[in-house]
C-alpha cells in the first residue's frame, strides 16, 4: 500500500460511505493514516473514522478514532487548512473533559 493524494482520499471516503460494512474499512483507514504524513489528508481519514464511529457505535470504531486522534498535532500551524485544525480541536474537546 502506498500513500494517497488528497483527491484520492476524498474519493476513497466517498466510496466507503456507500458500503454496508464500513467497519471492515477501519484497518484500511489506520493503514492509510500511517502511510500519509500530511496532516490535512490525515484529517480526512479521521473524518471517515469519526463518521463510522458515530454511525455504527462500534467500540472498535471509537478505539481507532481515539488512537488516530492522539497522533494528530495540537498546533494550528501544523495544518494547511485552518478548518482541519478546528475539526481536530472539536474532536479533542470531549477527551479533554474526561
PDB file of N, CA and C in Angstrom:
ATOM      1  N   UNK A   1       0.845  -1.169   0.000  1.00  0.00           N
ATOM      2  CA  UNK A   1       0.000   0.000   0.000  1.00  0.00           C
ATOM      3  C   UNK A   1       0.896   1.239   0.000  1.00  0.00           C
ATOM      4  N   UNK A   2       0.513   2.259  -0.720  1.00  0.00           N
ATOM      5  CA  UNK A   2       1.291   3.486  -0.777  1.00  0.00           C
ATOM      6  C   UNK A   2       0.481   4.634  -0.202  1.00  0.00           C
ATOM      7  N   UNK A   3       1.108   5.812  -0.174  1.00  0.00           N
ATOM      8  CA  UNK A   3       0.396   6.974   0.327  1.00  0.00           C
ATOM      9  C   UNK A   3      -0.703   7.361  -0.661  1.00  0.00           C
ATOM     10  N   UNK A   4      -1.526   8.285  -0.262  1.00  0.00           N
ATOM     11  CA  UNK A   4      -2.693   8.662  -1.053  1.00  0.00           C
ATOM     12  C   UNK A   4      -2.700  10.186  -1.203  1.00  0.00           C
ATOM     13  N   UNK A   5      -3.215  10.647  -2.324  1.00  0.00           N
ATOM     14  CA  UNK A   5      -3.348  12.093  -2.526  1.00  0.00           C
ATOM     15  C   UNK A   5      -4.618  12.568  -1.835  1.00  0.00           C
ATOM     16  N   UNK A   6      -4.746  13.875  -1.710  1.00  0.00           N
ATOM     17  CA  UNK A   6      -5.959  14.406  -1.087  1.00  0.00           C
ATOM     18  C   UNK A   6      -7.187  14.043  -1.916  1.00  0.00           C
ATOM     19  N   UNK A   7      -7.075  14.129  -3.229  1.00  0.00           N
ATOM     20  CA  UNK A   7      -8.196  13.760  -4.096  1.00  0.00           C
ATOM     21  C   UNK A   7      -8.514  12.271  -3.958  1.00  0.00           C
ATOM     22  N   UNK A   8      -7.480  11.442  -3.948  1.00  0.00           N
ATOM     23  CA  UNK A   8      -7.682  10.010  -3.780  1.00  0.00           C
ATOM     24  C   UNK A   8      -8.326   9.692  -2.447  1.00  0.00           C
ATOM     25  N   UNK A   9      -7.937  10.420  -1.429  1.00  0.00           N
ATOM     26  CA  UNK A   9      -8.505  10.222  -0.098  1.00  0.00           C
ATOM     27  C   UNK A   9      -9.994  10.558  -0.117  1.00  0.00           C
ATOM     28  N   UNK A  10     -10.341  11.662  -0.742  1.00  0.00           N
ATOM     29  CA  UNK A  10     -11.744  12.058  -0.840  1.00  0.00           C
ATOM     30  C   UNK A  10     -12.551  11.017  -1.600  1.00  0.00           C
ATOM     31  N   UNK A  11     -11.992  10.526  -2.696  1.00  0.00           N
ATOM     32  CA  UNK A  11     -12.694   9.507  -3.479  1.00  0.00           C
ATOM     33  C   UNK A  11     -12.856   8.215  -2.688  1.00  0.00           C
ATOM     34  N   UNK A  12     -11.838   7.847  -1.947  1.00  0.00           N
ATOM     35  CA  UNK A  12     -11.906   6.648  -1.116  1.00  0.00           C
ATOM     36  C   UNK A  12     -13.011   6.786  -0.071  1.00  0.00           C
ATOM     37  N   UNK A  13     -13.061   7.927   0.582  1.00  0.00           N
ATOM     38  CA  UNK A  13     -14.068   8.154   1.622  1.00  0.00           C
ATOM     39  C   UNK A  13     -15.472   8.131   1.023  1.00  0.00           C
ATOM     40  N   UNK A  14     -15.621   8.723  -0.140  1.00  0.00           N
ATOM     41  CA  UNK A  14     -16.919   8.670  -0.813  1.00  0.00           C
ATOM     42  C   UNK A  14     -17.299   7.231  -1.154  1.00  0.00           C
ATOM     43  N   UNK A  15     -16.321   6.451  -1.568  1.00  0.00           N
ATOM     44  CA  UNK A  15     -16.594   5.052  -1.940  1.00  0.00           C
ATOM     45  C   UNK A  15     -17.037   4.230  -0.745  1.00  0.00           C
ATOM     46  N   UNK A  16     -16.371   4.383   0.393  1.00  0.00           N
ATOM     47  CA  UNK A  16     -16.749   3.559   1.543  1.00  0.00           C
ATOM     48  C   UNK A  16     -18.021   4.057   2.210  1.00  0.00           C
ATOM     49  N   UNK A  17     -18.406   5.303   1.941  1.00  0.00           N
ATOM     50  CA  UNK A  17     -19.628   5.819   2.568  1.00  0.00           C
ATOM     51  C   UNK A  17     -20.868   5.101   2.065  1.00  0.00           C
ATOM     52  N   UNK A  18     -20.759   4.432   0.938  1.00  0.00           N
ATOM     53  CA  UNK A  18     -21.894   3.712   0.367  1.00  0.00           C
ATOM     54  C   UNK A  18     -21.813   2.207   0.649  1.00  0.00           C
ATOM     55  N   UNK A  19     -20.872   1.799   1.469  1.00  0.00           N
ATOM     56  CA  UNK A  19     -20.672   0.388   1.778  1.00  0.00           C
ATOM     57  C   UNK A  19     -21.448   0.020   3.031  1.00  0.00           C
ATOM     58  N   UNK A  20     -22.066  -1.130   3.010  1.00  0.00           N
ATOM     59  CA  UNK A  20     -22.852  -1.558   4.168  1.00  0.00           C
ATOM     60  C   UNK A  20     -21.974  -1.915   5.366  1.00  0.00           C
ATOM     61  N   UNK A  21     -20.832  -2.540   5.123  1.00  0.00           N
ATOM     62  CA  UNK A  21     -19.952  -2.974   6.203  1.00  0.00           C
ATOM     63  C   UNK A  21     -18.767  -2.010   6.336  1.00  0.00           C
ATOM     64  N   UNK A  22     -19.058  -0.764   6.718  1.00  0.00           N
ATOM     65  CA  UNK A  22     -17.992   0.237   6.808  1.00  0.00           C
ATOM     66  C   UNK A  22     -16.979  -0.100   7.892  1.00  0.00           C
ATOM     67  N   UNK A  23     -17.392  -0.838   8.912  1.00  0.00           N
ATOM     68  CA  UNK A  23     -16.457  -1.192   9.978  1.00  0.00           C
ATOM     69  C   UNK A  23     -15.297  -2.027   9.456  1.00  0.00           C
ATOM     70  N   UNK A  24     -15.522  -2.750   8.379  1.00  0.00           N
ATOM     71  CA  UNK A  24     -14.449  -3.543   7.780  1.00  0.00           C
ATOM     72  C   UNK A  24     -13.343  -2.657   7.215  1.00  0.00           C
ATOM     73  N   UNK A  25     -13.652  -1.396   6.992  1.00  0.00           N
ATOM     74  CA  UNK A  25     -12.663  -0.471   6.435  1.00  0.00           C
ATOM     75  C   UNK A  25     -11.775   0.168   7.508  1.00  0.00           C
ATOM     76  N   UNK A  26     -12.051  -0.052   8.781  1.00  0.00           N
ATOM     77  CA  UNK A  26     -11.246   0.565   9.840  1.00  0.00           C
ATOM     78  C   UNK A  26      -9.758   0.238   9.730  1.00  0.00           C
ATOM     79  N   UNK A  27      -9.370  -1.014   9.468  1.00  0.00           N
ATOM     80  CA  UNK A  27      -7.938  -1.299   9.324  1.00  0.00           C
ATOM     81  C   UNK A  27      -7.318  -0.563   8.126  1.00  0.00           C
ATOM     82  N   UNK A  28      -8.096  -0.391   7.065  1.00  0.00           N
ATOM     83  CA  UNK A  28      -7.590   0.332   5.890  1.00  0.00           C
ATOM     84  C   UNK A  28      -7.384   1.803   6.239  1.00  0.00           C
ATOM     85  N   UNK A  29      -8.314   2.393   6.977  1.00  0.00           N
ATOM     86  CA  UNK A  29      -8.157   3.795   7.404  1.00  0.00           C
ATOM     87  C   UNK A  29      -6.894   3.954   8.247  1.00  0.00           C
ATOM     88  N   UNK A  30      -6.678   3.025   9.158  1.00  0.00           N
ATOM     89  CA  UNK A  30      -5.483   3.084  10.004  1.00  0.00           C
ATOM     90  C   UNK A  30      -4.211   2.977   9.173  1.00  0.00           C
ATOM     91  N   UNK A  31      -4.196   2.068   8.206  1.00  0.00           N
ATOM     92  CA  UNK A  31      -3.010   1.892   7.362  1.00  0.00           C
ATOM     93  C   UNK A  31      -2.754   3.136   6.515  1.00  0.00           C
ATOM     94  N   UNK A  32      -3.791   3.693   5.937  1.00  0.00           N
ATOM     95  CA  UNK A  32      -3.624   4.913   5.138  1.00  0.00           C
ATOM     96  C   UNK A  32      -3.141   6.073   6.000  1.00  0.00           C
ATOM     97  N   UNK A  33      -3.632   6.128   7.220  1.00  0.00           N
ATOM     98  CA  UNK A  33      -3.208   7.168   8.153  1.00  0.00           C
ATOM     99  C   UNK A  33      -1.701   7.076   8.386  1.00  0.00           C
ATOM    100  N   UNK A  34      -1.226   5.877   8.642  1.00  0.00           N
ATOM    101  CA  UNK A  34       0.209   5.679   8.906  1.00  0.00           C
ATOM    102  C   UNK A  34       1.069   5.995   7.691  1.00  0.00           C
ATOM    103  N   UNK A  35       0.572   5.718   6.504  1.00  0.00           N
ATOM    104  CA  UNK A  35       1.341   5.928   5.274  1.00  0.00           C
ATOM    105  C   UNK A  35       1.405   7.391   4.845  1.00  0.00           C
ATOM    106  N   UNK A  36       0.501   8.197   5.335  1.00  0.00           N
ATOM    107  CA  UNK A  36       0.430   9.599   4.919  1.00  0.00           C
ATOM    108  C   UNK A  36       0.877  10.508   6.043  1.00  0.00           C
ATOM    109  N   UNK A  37       1.843  11.329   5.760  1.00  0.00           N
ATOM    110  CA  UNK A  37       2.360  12.247   6.773  1.00  0.00           C
ATOM    111  C   UNK A  37       1.698  13.617   6.701  1.00  0.00           C
ATOM    112  N   UNK A  38       0.900  13.857   5.646  1.00  0.00           N
ATOM    113  CA  UNK A  38       0.183  15.131   5.526  1.00  0.00           C
ATOM    114  C   UNK A  38      -0.937  15.174   6.558  1.00  0.00           C
ATOM    115  N   UNK A  39      -0.879  16.152   7.449  1.00  0.00           N
ATOM    116  CA  UNK A  39      -1.912  16.274   8.471  1.00  0.00           C
ATOM    117  C   UNK A  39      -3.278  16.540   7.856  1.00  0.00           C
ATOM    118  N   UNK A  40      -3.307  17.251   6.732  1.00  0.00           N
ATOM    119  CA  UNK A  40      -4.593  17.552   6.106  1.00  0.00           C
ATOM    120  C   UNK A  40      -5.241  16.301   5.513  1.00  0.00           C
ATOM    121  N   UNK A  41      -4.456  15.400   4.974  1.00  0.00           N
ATOM    122  CA  UNK A  41      -5.010  14.134   4.486  1.00  0.00           C
ATOM    123  C   UNK A  41      -5.406  13.268   5.679  1.00  0.00           C
ATOM    124  N   UNK A  42      -4.602  13.280   6.711  1.00  0.00           N
ATOM    125  CA  UNK A  42      -4.943  12.511   7.903  1.00  0.00           C
ATOM    126  C   UNK A  42      -6.267  12.980   8.510  1.00  0.00           C
ATOM    127  N   UNK A  43      -6.542  14.274   8.430  1.00  0.00           N
ATOM    128  CA  UNK A  43      -7.817  14.787   8.940  1.00  0.00           C
ATOM    129  C   UNK A  43      -8.978  14.184   8.150  1.00  0.00           C
ATOM    130  N   UNK A  44      -8.817  14.053   6.842  1.00  0.00           N
ATOM    131  CA  UNK A  44      -9.883  13.451   6.034  1.00  0.00           C
ATOM    132  C   UNK A  44     -10.136  12.007   6.468  1.00  0.00           C
ATOM    133  N   UNK A  45      -9.075  11.295   6.769  1.00  0.00           N
ATOM    134  CA  UNK A  45      -9.218   9.919   7.248  1.00  0.00           C
ATOM    135  C   UNK A  45      -9.869   9.884   8.629  1.00  0.00           C
ATOM    136  N   UNK A  46      -9.527  10.865   9.463  1.00  0.00           N
ATOM    137  CA  UNK A  46     -10.159  10.971  10.778  1.00  0.00           C
ATOM    138  C   UNK A  46     -11.645  11.269  10.644  1.00  0.00           C
ATOM    139  N   UNK A  47     -12.000  12.086   9.661  1.00  0.00           N
ATOM    140  CA  UNK A  47     -13.423  12.377   9.435  1.00  0.00           C
ATOM    141  C   UNK A  47     -14.170  11.098   9.077  1.00  0.00           C
ATOM    142  N   UNK A  48     -13.570  10.267   8.267  1.00  0.00           N
ATOM    143  CA  UNK A  48     -14.197   8.994   7.901  1.00  0.00           C
ATOM    144  C   UNK A  48     -14.332   8.105   9.141  1.00  0.00           C
ATOM    145  N   UNK A  49     -13.283   8.015   9.944  1.00  0.00           N
ATOM    146  CA  UNK A  49     -13.331   7.204  11.165  1.00  0.00           C
ATOM    147  C   UNK A  49     -14.390   7.753  12.128  1.00  0.00           C
ATOM    148  N   UNK A  50     -14.491   9.062  12.228  1.00  0.00           N
ATOM    149  CA  UNK A  50     -15.493   9.689  13.088  1.00  0.00           C
ATOM    150  C   UNK A  50     -16.900   9.362  12.600  1.00  0.00           C
ATOM    151  N   UNK A  51     -17.114   9.432  11.308  1.00  0.00           N
ATOM    152  CA  UNK A  51     -18.431   9.107  10.755  1.00  0.00           C
ATOM    153  C   UNK A  51     -18.797   7.649  11.030  1.00  0.00           C
ATOM    154  N   UNK A  52     -17.821   6.763  10.887  1.00  0.00           N
ATOM    155  CA  UNK A  52     -18.070   5.340  11.167  1.00  0.00           C
ATOM    156  C   UNK A  52     -18.404   5.151  12.646  1.00  0.00           C
ATOM    157  N   UNK A  53     -17.637   5.793  13.511  1.00  0.00           N
ATOM    158  CA  UNK A  53     -17.869   5.656  14.959  1.00  0.00           C
ATOM    159  C   UNK A  53     -19.251   6.176  15.342  1.00  0.00           C
ATOM    160  N   UNK A  54     -19.646   7.290  14.773  1.00  0.00           N
ATOM    161  CA  UNK A  54     -20.951   7.866  15.091  1.00  0.00           C
ATOM    162  C   UNK A  54     -22.103   7.049  14.516  1.00  0.00           C
ATOM    163  N   UNK A  55     -21.917   6.520  13.312  1.00  0.00           N
ATOM    164  CA  UNK A  55     -22.996   5.792  12.639  1.00  0.00           C
ATOM    165  C   UNK A  55     -23.186   4.380  13.176  1.00  0.00           C
ATOM    166  N   UNK A  56     -22.099   3.759  13.597  1.00  0.00           N
ATOM    167  CA  UNK A  56     -22.189   2.350  13.996  1.00  0.00           C
ATOM    168  C   UNK A  56     -22.140   2.144  15.504  1.00  0.00           C
ATOM    169  N   UNK A  57     -21.551   3.092  16.218  1.00  0.00           N
ATOM    170  CA  UNK A  57     -21.353   2.980  17.667  1.00  0.00           C
ATOM    171  C   UNK A  57     -20.581   1.720  18.050  1.00  0.00           C
ATOM    172  N   UNK A  58     -19.732   1.254  17.136  1.00  0.00           N
ATOM    173  CA  UNK A  58     -18.887   0.096  17.424  1.00  0.00           C
ATOM    174  C   UNK A  58     -17.733   0.508  18.327  1.00  0.00           C
ATOM    175  N   UNK A  59     -17.449  -0.238  19.377  1.00  0.00           N
ATOM    176  CA  UNK A  59     -16.314   0.083  20.243  1.00  0.00           C
ATOM    177  C   UNK A  59     -14.992   0.122  19.468  1.00  0.00           C
ATOM    178  N   UNK A  60     -14.832  -0.770  18.499  1.00  0.00           N
ATOM    179  CA  UNK A  60     -13.609  -0.791  17.694  1.00  0.00           C
ATOM    180  C   UNK A  60     -13.454   0.506  16.909  1.00  0.00           C
ATOM    181  N   UNK A  61     -14.549   1.038  16.400  1.00  0.00           N
ATOM    182  CA  UNK A  61     -14.503   2.294  15.646  1.00  0.00           C
ATOM    183  C   UNK A  61     -14.068   3.440  16.557  1.00  0.00           C
ATOM    184  N   UNK A  62     -14.583   3.475  17.766  1.00  0.00           N
ATOM    185  CA  UNK A  62     -14.208   4.529  18.715  1.00  0.00           C
ATOM    186  C   UNK A  62     -12.732   4.401  19.103  1.00  0.00           C
ATOM    187  N   UNK A  63     -12.279   3.162  19.282  1.00  0.00           N
ATOM    188  CA  UNK A  63     -10.880   2.933  19.648  1.00  0.00           C
ATOM    189  C   UNK A  63      -9.951   3.417  18.549  1.00  0.00           C
ATOM    190  N   UNK A  64     -10.278   3.079  17.288  1.00  0.00           N
ATOM    191  CA  UNK A  64      -9.454   3.519  16.155  1.00  0.00           C
ATOM    192  C   UNK A  64      -9.462   5.043  16.058  1.00  0.00           C
ATOM    193  N   UNK A  65     -10.630   5.655  16.204  1.00  0.00           N
ATOM    194  CA  UNK A  65     -10.727   7.112  16.146  1.00  0.00           C
ATOM    195  C   UNK A  65      -9.844   7.754  17.219  1.00  0.00           C
ATOM    196  N   UNK A  66      -9.957   7.283  18.447  1.00  0.00           N
ATOM    197  CA  UNK A  66      -9.150   7.843  19.539  1.00  0.00           C
ATOM    198  C   UNK A  66      -7.659   7.640  19.300  1.00  0.00           C
ATOM    199  N   UNK A  67      -7.301   6.471  18.801  1.00  0.00           N
ATOM    200  CA  UNK A  67      -5.899   6.163  18.526  1.00  0.00           C
ATOM    201  C   UNK A  67      -5.330   7.111  17.470  1.00  0.00           C
ATOM    202  N   UNK A  68      -6.070   7.326  16.405  1.00  0.00           N
ATOM    203  CA  UNK A  68      -5.614   8.227  15.344  1.00  0.00           C
ATOM    204  C   UNK A  68      -5.590   9.671  15.834  1.00  0.00           C
ATOM    205  N   UNK A  69      -6.591  10.061  16.574  1.00  0.00           N
ATOM    206  CA  UNK A  69      -6.683  11.435  17.071  1.00  0.00           C
ATOM    207  C   UNK A  69      -5.497  11.783  17.968  1.00  0.00           C
ATOM    208  N   UNK A  70      -5.043  10.839  18.761  1.00  0.00           N
ATOM    209  CA  UNK A  70      -3.910  11.092  19.657  1.00  0.00           C
ATOM    210  C   UNK A  70      -2.602  11.311  18.889  1.00  0.00           C
ATOM    211  N   UNK A  71      -2.558  10.924  17.634  1.00  0.00           N
ATOM    212  CA  UNK A  71      -1.349  11.108  16.832  1.00  0.00           C
ATOM    213  C   UNK A  71      -1.329  12.448  16.086  1.00  0.00           C
ATOM    214  N   UNK A  72      -2.418  13.199  16.186  1.00  0.00           N
ATOM    215  CA  UNK A  72      -2.502  14.466  15.462  1.00  0.00           C
ATOM    216  C   UNK A  72      -1.874  15.594  16.273  1.00  0.00           C
ATOM    217  N   UNK A  73      -1.168  16.503  15.592  1.00  0.00           N
ATOM    218  CA  UNK A  73      -0.560  17.626  16.305  1.00  0.00           C
ATOM    219  C   UNK A  73      -1.613  18.577  16.868  1.00  0.00           C
ATOM    220  N   UNK A  74      -1.269  19.229  17.963  1.00  0.00           N
ATOM    221  CA  UNK A  74      -2.182  20.162  18.619  1.00  0.00           C
ATOM    222  C   UNK A  74      -1.913  21.612  18.216  1.00  0.00           C
ATOM    223  N   UNK A  75      -0.940  21.825  17.337  1.00  0.00           N
ATOM    224  CA  UNK A  75      -0.582  23.188  16.934  1.00  0.00           C
ATOM    225  C   UNK A  75      -1.299  23.570  15.640  1.00  0.00           C
ATOM    226  N   UNK A  76      -1.886  24.750  15.622  1.00  0.00           N
ATOM    227  CA  UNK A  76      -2.602  25.260  14.452  1.00  0.00           C
ATOM    228  C   UNK A  76      -1.708  25.290  13.215  1.00  0.00           C
ATOM    229  N   UNK A  77      -0.449  25.616  13.381  1.00  0.00           N
ATOM    230  CA  UNK A  77       0.465  25.766  12.240  1.00  0.00           C
ATOM    231  C   UNK A  77       0.781  24.430  11.554  1.00  0.00           C
ATOM    232  N   UNK A  78       0.406  23.328  12.156  1.00  0.00           N
ATOM    233  CA  UNK A  78       0.674  22.010  11.570  1.00  0.00           C
ATOM    234  C   UNK A  78      -0.306  21.675  10.450  1.00  0.00           C
ATOM    235  N   UNK A  79      -1.316  22.520  10.255  1.00  0.00           N
ATOM    236  CA  UNK A  79      -2.359  22.262   9.269  1.00  0.00           C
ATOM    237  C   UNK A  79      -2.389  23.370   8.222  1.00  0.00           C
ATOM    238  N   UNK A  80      -2.441  22.980   6.957  1.00  0.00           N
ATOM    239  CA  UNK A  80      -2.553  23.947   5.877  1.00  0.00           C
ATOM    240  C   UNK A  80      -3.929  24.591   5.897  1.00  0.00           C
ATOM    241  N   UNK A  81      -4.936  23.777   6.136  1.00  0.00           N
ATOM    242  CA  UNK A  81      -6.314  24.247   6.155  1.00  0.00           C
ATOM    243  C   UNK A  81      -6.735  24.514   7.599  1.00  0.00           C
ATOM    244  N   UNK A  82      -7.053  25.761   7.957  1.00  0.00           N
ATOM    245  CA  UNK A  82      -7.429  26.065   9.345  1.00  0.00           C
ATOM    246  C   UNK A  82      -8.694  25.335   9.799  1.00  0.00           C
ATOM    247  N   UNK A  83      -9.560  24.977   8.860  1.00  0.00           N
ATOM    248  CA  UNK A  83     -10.770  24.221   9.220  1.00  0.00           C
ATOM    249  C   UNK A  83     -10.401  22.843   9.755  1.00  0.00           C
ATOM    250  N   UNK A  84      -9.300  22.296   9.274  1.00  0.00           N
ATOM    251  CA  UNK A  84      -8.863  20.984   9.769  1.00  0.00           C
ATOM    252  C   UNK A  84      -8.429  21.067  11.222  1.00  0.00           C
ATOM    253  N   UNK A  85      -7.738  22.149  11.572  1.00  0.00           N
ATOM    254  CA  UNK A  85      -7.340  22.343  12.960  1.00  0.00           C
ATOM    255  C   UNK A  85      -8.593  22.479  13.838  1.00  0.00           C
ATOM    256  N   UNK A  86      -9.576  23.203  13.370  1.00  0.00           N
ATOM    257  CA  UNK A  86     -10.827  23.377  14.123  1.00  0.00           C
ATOM    258  C   UNK A  86     -11.529  22.041  14.333  1.00  0.00           C
ATOM    259  N   UNK A  87     -11.551  21.222  13.293  1.00  0.00           N
ATOM    260  CA  UNK A  87     -12.184  19.906  13.399  1.00  0.00           C
ATOM    261  C   UNK A  87     -11.485  19.061  14.459  1.00  0.00           C
ATOM    262  N   UNK A  88     -10.158  19.036  14.407  1.00  0.00           N
ATOM    263  CA  UNK A  88      -9.386  18.256  15.392  1.00  0.00           C
ATOM    264  C   UNK A  88      -9.644  18.780  16.801  1.00  0.00           C
ATOM    265  N   UNK A  89      -9.688  20.083  16.961  1.00  0.00           N
ATOM    266  CA  UNK A  89      -9.934  20.684  18.275  1.00  0.00           C
ATOM    267  C   UNK A  89     -11.306  20.281  18.806  1.00  0.00           C
ATOM    268  N   UNK A  90     -12.316  20.282  17.939  1.00  0.00           N
ATOM    269  CA  UNK A  90     -13.667  19.877  18.361  1.00  0.00           C
ATOM    270  C   UNK A  90     -13.706  18.405  18.756  1.00  0.00           C
ATOM    271  N   UNK A  91     -12.982  17.558  18.018  1.00  0.00           N
ATOM    272  CA  UNK A  91     -12.951  16.132  18.378  1.00  0.00           C
ATOM    273  C   UNK A  91     -12.242  15.912  19.702  1.00  0.00           C
ATOM    274  N   UNK A  92     -11.243  16.712  19.973  1.00  0.00           N
ATOM    275  CA  UNK A  92     -10.465  16.545  21.206  1.00  0.00           C
ATOM    276  C   UNK A  92     -11.195  17.075  22.435  1.00  0.00           C
ATOM    277  N   UNK A  93     -12.101  18.001  22.268  1.00  0.00           N
ATOM    278  CA  UNK A  93     -12.763  18.644  23.403  1.00  0.00           C
ATOM    279  C   UNK A  93     -13.395  17.639  24.370  1.00  0.00           C
ATOM    280  N   UNK A  94     -14.179  16.652  23.893  1.00  0.00           N
ATOM    281  CA  UNK A  94     -14.737  15.688  24.853  1.00  0.00           C
ATOM    282  C   UNK A  94     -13.671  14.861  25.571  1.00  0.00           C
ATOM    283  N   UNK A  95     -12.561  14.583  24.894  1.00  0.00           N
ATOM    284  CA  UNK A  95     -11.488  13.815  25.529  1.00  0.00           C
ATOM    285  C   UNK A  95     -10.841  14.603  26.656  1.00  0.00           C
ATOM    286  N   UNK A  96     -10.742  15.926  26.476  1.00  0.00           N
ATOM    287  CA  UNK A  96     -10.121  16.775  27.487  1.00  0.00           C
ATOM    288  C   UNK A  96     -10.963  16.842  28.750  1.00  0.00           C
ATOM    289  N   UNK A  97     -12.261  16.668  28.608  1.00  0.00           N
ATOM    290  CA  UNK A  97     -13.160  16.733  29.776  1.00  0.00           C
ATOM    291  C   UNK A  97     -13.159  15.438  30.572  1.00  0.00           C
ATOM    292  N   UNK A  98     -12.636  14.378  29.999  1.00  0.00           N
ATOM    293  CA  UNK A  98     -12.654  13.075  30.690  1.00  0.00           C
ATOM    294  C   UNK A  98     -11.577  12.985  31.737  1.00  0.00           C
TER     295      UNK A  98
END
